[in-house]
PDB file of N, CA and C in Angstrom:
ATOM      1  N   MET A   1      -8.611  -0.038 -14.580  1.00  0.00           N
ATOM      2  CA  MET A   1      -8.538  -0.075 -13.190  1.00  0.00           C
ATOM      3  C   MET A   1      -8.059  -1.214 -12.728  1.00  0.00           C
ATOM      4  N   SER A   2      -7.354  -1.230 -11.624  1.00  0.00           N
ATOM      5  CA  SER A   2      -6.847  -2.402 -10.964  1.00  0.00           C
ATOM      6  C   SER A   2      -7.714  -2.559  -9.622  1.00  0.00           C
ATOM      7  N   SER A   3      -7.924  -3.926  -9.345  1.00  0.00           N
ATOM      8  CA  SER A   3      -8.455  -4.110  -7.911  1.00  0.00           C
ATOM      9  C   SER A   3      -7.400  -4.361  -6.939  1.00  0.00           C
ATOM     10  N   SER A   4      -7.688  -3.919  -5.626  1.00  0.00           N
ATOM     11  CA  SER A   4      -6.521  -4.135  -4.601  1.00  0.00           C
ATOM     12  C   SER A   4      -6.895  -5.480  -4.102  1.00  0.00           C
ATOM     13  N   ASN A   5      -5.912  -6.070  -3.469  1.00  0.00           N
ATOM     14  CA  ASN A   5      -6.119  -7.450  -2.884  1.00  0.00           C
ATOM     15  C   ASN A   5      -5.634  -7.343  -1.472  1.00  0.00           C
ATOM     16  N   PHE A   6      -6.006  -6.317  -0.703  1.00  0.00           N
ATOM     17  CA  PHE A   6      -5.764  -6.212   0.771  1.00  0.00           C
ATOM     18  C   PHE A   6      -6.499  -7.148   1.499  1.00  0.00           C
ATOM     19  N   SER A   7      -5.749  -7.696   2.546  1.00  0.00           N
ATOM     20  CA  SER A   7      -6.651  -8.450   3.376  1.00  0.00           C
ATOM     21  C   SER A   7      -7.606  -7.849   4.258  1.00  0.00           C
ATOM     22  N   ASP A   8      -8.602  -8.528   4.757  1.00  0.00           N
ATOM     23  CA  ASP A   8      -9.478  -7.731   5.535  1.00  0.00           C
ATOM     24  C   ASP A   8      -9.015  -7.353   6.872  1.00  0.00           C
ATOM     25  N   GLU A   9      -8.089  -8.112   7.330  1.00  0.00           N
ATOM     26  CA  GLU A   9      -7.221  -7.518   8.606  1.00  0.00           C
ATOM     27  C   GLU A   9      -6.585  -6.323   8.430  1.00  0.00           C
ATOM     28  N   LEU A  10      -6.031  -6.005   7.143  1.00  0.00           N
ATOM     29  CA  LEU A  10      -5.240  -4.985   6.843  1.00  0.00           C
ATOM     30  C   LEU A  10      -6.385  -3.820   6.699  1.00  0.00           C
ATOM     31  N   LYS A  11      -7.591  -4.023   5.994  1.00  0.00           N
ATOM     32  CA  LYS A  11      -8.485  -3.093   5.818  1.00  0.00           C
ATOM     33  C   LYS A  11      -9.087  -2.650   7.245  1.00  0.00           C
ATOM     34  N   ARG A  12      -9.291  -3.507   8.034  1.00  0.00           N
ATOM     35  CA  ARG A  12      -9.744  -3.150   9.358  1.00  0.00           C
ATOM     36  C   ARG A  12      -8.825  -2.163  10.214  1.00  0.00           C
ATOM     37  N   PHE A  13      -7.408  -2.669   9.991  1.00  0.00           N
ATOM     38  CA  PHE A  13      -6.396  -1.942  10.758  1.00  0.00           C
ATOM     39  C   PHE A  13      -6.570  -0.446  10.197  1.00  0.00           C
ATOM     40  N   ALA A  14      -6.446  -0.308   8.957  1.00  0.00           N
ATOM     41  CA  ALA A  14      -6.380   1.091   8.234  1.00  0.00           C
ATOM     42  C   ALA A  14      -7.648   1.932   8.779  1.00  0.00           C
ATOM     43  N   VAL A  15      -8.833   1.370   8.729  1.00  0.00           N
ATOM     44  CA  VAL A  15      -9.918   2.010   9.089  1.00  0.00           C
ATOM     45  C   VAL A  15      -9.887   2.537  10.675  1.00  0.00           C
ATOM     46  N   ALA A  16      -9.552   1.456  11.488  1.00  0.00           N
ATOM     47  CA  ALA A  16      -9.338   1.903  12.793  1.00  0.00           C
ATOM     48  C   ALA A  16      -8.449   3.045  12.990  1.00  0.00           C
ATOM     49  N   GLN A  17      -7.272   2.952  12.345  1.00  0.00           N
ATOM     50  CA  GLN A  17      -6.310   4.115  12.663  1.00  0.00           C
ATOM     51  C   GLN A  17      -6.839   5.291  12.187  1.00  0.00           C
ATOM     52  N   ILE A  18      -7.708   5.370  11.227  1.00  0.00           N
ATOM     53  CA  ILE A  18      -8.268   6.695  10.560  1.00  0.00           C
ATOM     54  C   ILE A  18      -9.434   7.073  11.723  1.00  0.00           C
ATOM     55  N   THR A  19     -10.116   6.236  11.885  1.00  0.00           N
ATOM     56  CA  THR A  19     -11.483   6.632  12.531  1.00  0.00           C
ATOM     57  C   THR A  19     -11.483   6.660  14.120  1.00  0.00           C
ATOM     58  N   GLU A  20     -10.494   5.708  14.714  1.00  0.00           N
ATOM     59  CA  GLU A  20     -10.547   5.648  16.112  1.00  0.00           C
ATOM     60  C   GLU A  20      -9.258   6.348  16.736  1.00  0.00           C
ATOM     61  N   ARG A  21      -8.230   6.361  16.035  1.00  0.00           N
ATOM     62  CA  ARG A  21      -6.992   7.107  16.465  1.00  0.00           C
ATOM     63  C   ARG A  21      -6.903   8.503  15.901  1.00  0.00           C
ATOM     64  N   GLY A  22      -7.659   8.878  14.900  1.00  0.00           N
ATOM     65  CA  GLY A  22      -7.395  10.132  14.275  1.00  0.00           C
ATOM     66  C   GLY A  22      -6.155  10.339  13.297  1.00  0.00           C
ATOM     67  N   CYS A  23      -5.720   9.244  12.925  1.00  0.00           N
ATOM     68  CA  CYS A  23      -4.320   9.374  11.961  1.00  0.00           C
ATOM     69  C   CYS A  23      -5.188   9.690  10.548  1.00  0.00           C
ATOM     70  N   SER A  24      -4.225  10.406   9.764  1.00  0.00           N
ATOM     71  CA  SER A  24      -4.593  10.900   8.334  1.00  0.00           C
ATOM     72  C   SER A  24      -4.436   9.709   7.488  1.00  0.00           C
ATOM     73  N   PHE A  25      -4.952   9.866   6.282  1.00  0.00           N
ATOM     74  CA  PHE A  25      -4.873   8.920   5.278  1.00  0.00           C
ATOM     75  C   PHE A  25      -3.330   8.809   4.927  1.00  0.00           C
ATOM     76  N   ARG A  26      -2.669  10.003   4.806  1.00  0.00           N
ATOM     77  CA  ARG A  26      -1.166   9.901   4.610  1.00  0.00           C
ATOM     78  C   ARG A  26      -0.415   9.173   5.537  1.00  0.00           C
ATOM     79  N   GLU A  27      -0.627   9.261   6.922  1.00  0.00           N
ATOM     80  CA  GLU A  27      -0.038   8.610   7.842  1.00  0.00           C
ATOM     81  C   GLU A  27      -0.186   7.021   7.846  1.00  0.00           C
ATOM     82  N   VAL A  28      -1.490   6.857   7.688  1.00  0.00           N
ATOM     83  CA  VAL A  28      -1.701   5.365   7.730  1.00  0.00           C
ATOM     84  C   VAL A  28      -1.030   4.766   6.350  1.00  0.00           C
ATOM     85  N   SER A  29      -1.124   5.445   5.262  1.00  0.00           N
ATOM     86  CA  SER A  29      -0.541   4.842   3.919  1.00  0.00           C
ATOM     87  C   SER A  29       1.010   4.601   4.023  1.00  0.00           C
ATOM     88  N   GLU A  30       1.672   5.681   4.582  1.00  0.00           N
ATOM     89  CA  GLU A  30       3.074   5.645   5.064  1.00  0.00           C
ATOM     90  C   GLU A  30       3.343   4.387   5.957  1.00  0.00           C
ATOM     91  N   GLN A  31       2.672   4.081   7.005  1.00  0.00           N
ATOM     92  CA  GLN A  31       2.749   3.016   7.858  1.00  0.00           C
ATOM     93  C   GLN A  31       2.601   1.731   7.096  1.00  0.00           C
ATOM     94  N   LEU A  32       1.685   1.698   6.245  1.00  0.00           N
ATOM     95  CA  LEU A  32       1.447   0.295   5.453  1.00  0.00           C
ATOM     96  C   LEU A  32       2.167   0.331   4.251  1.00  0.00           C
ATOM     97  N   GLY A  33       2.827   1.274   3.851  1.00  0.00           N
ATOM     98  CA  GLY A  33       3.639   1.429   2.413  1.00  0.00           C
ATOM     99  C   GLY A  33       2.684   1.250   1.243  1.00  0.00           C
ATOM    100  N   VAL A  34       1.580   1.913   1.278  1.00  0.00           N
ATOM    101  CA  VAL A  34       0.732   1.957   0.132  1.00  0.00           C
ATOM    102  C   VAL A  34       0.345   3.490  -0.148  1.00  0.00           C
ATOM    103  N   SER A  35      -0.036   3.671  -1.220  1.00  0.00           N
ATOM    104  CA  SER A  35      -0.451   5.078  -1.817  1.00  0.00           C
ATOM    105  C   SER A  35      -1.672   5.494  -1.136  1.00  0.00           C
ATOM    106  N   PRO A  36      -1.896   6.665  -0.550  1.00  0.00           N
ATOM    107  CA  PRO A  36      -2.936   7.244   0.001  1.00  0.00           C
ATOM    108  C   PRO A  36      -4.251   6.987  -0.791  1.00  0.00           C
ATOM    109  N   HIS A  37      -4.103   7.031  -2.029  1.00  0.00           N
ATOM    110  CA  HIS A  37      -5.241   6.839  -3.031  1.00  0.00           C
ATOM    111  C   HIS A  37      -5.810   5.422  -2.890  1.00  0.00           C
ATOM    112  N   SER A  38      -4.905   4.490  -2.362  1.00  0.00           N
ATOM    113  CA  SER A  38      -5.381   3.009  -2.244  1.00  0.00           C
ATOM    114  C   SER A  38      -6.353   2.799  -1.095  1.00  0.00           C
ATOM    115  N   LEU A  39      -6.161   3.756  -0.080  1.00  0.00           N
ATOM    116  CA  LEU A  39      -6.873   3.658   1.103  1.00  0.00           C
ATOM    117  C   LEU A  39      -8.350   4.075   0.795  1.00  0.00           C
ATOM    118  N   CYS A  40      -8.387   5.257  -0.048  1.00  0.00           N
ATOM    119  CA  CYS A  40      -9.684   5.614  -0.636  1.00  0.00           C
ATOM    120  C   CYS A  40     -10.522   4.877  -1.463  1.00  0.00           C
ATOM    121  N   ALA A  41      -9.873   3.898  -2.120  1.00  0.00           N
ATOM    122  CA  ALA A  41     -10.502   3.186  -3.143  1.00  0.00           C
ATOM    123  C   ALA A  41     -11.372   2.045  -2.765  1.00  0.00           C
TER     124      ALA A  41
END
């Protein structure tokens, strides 16, 4: 397994998009250019 090196700012942005705006994991992952599975890890 590899560990991700996403910044805290990026993590907060992704969480806010999902929890506050109701975006799906897929939508956020496409915006950020990462795998949806990366957001769940």
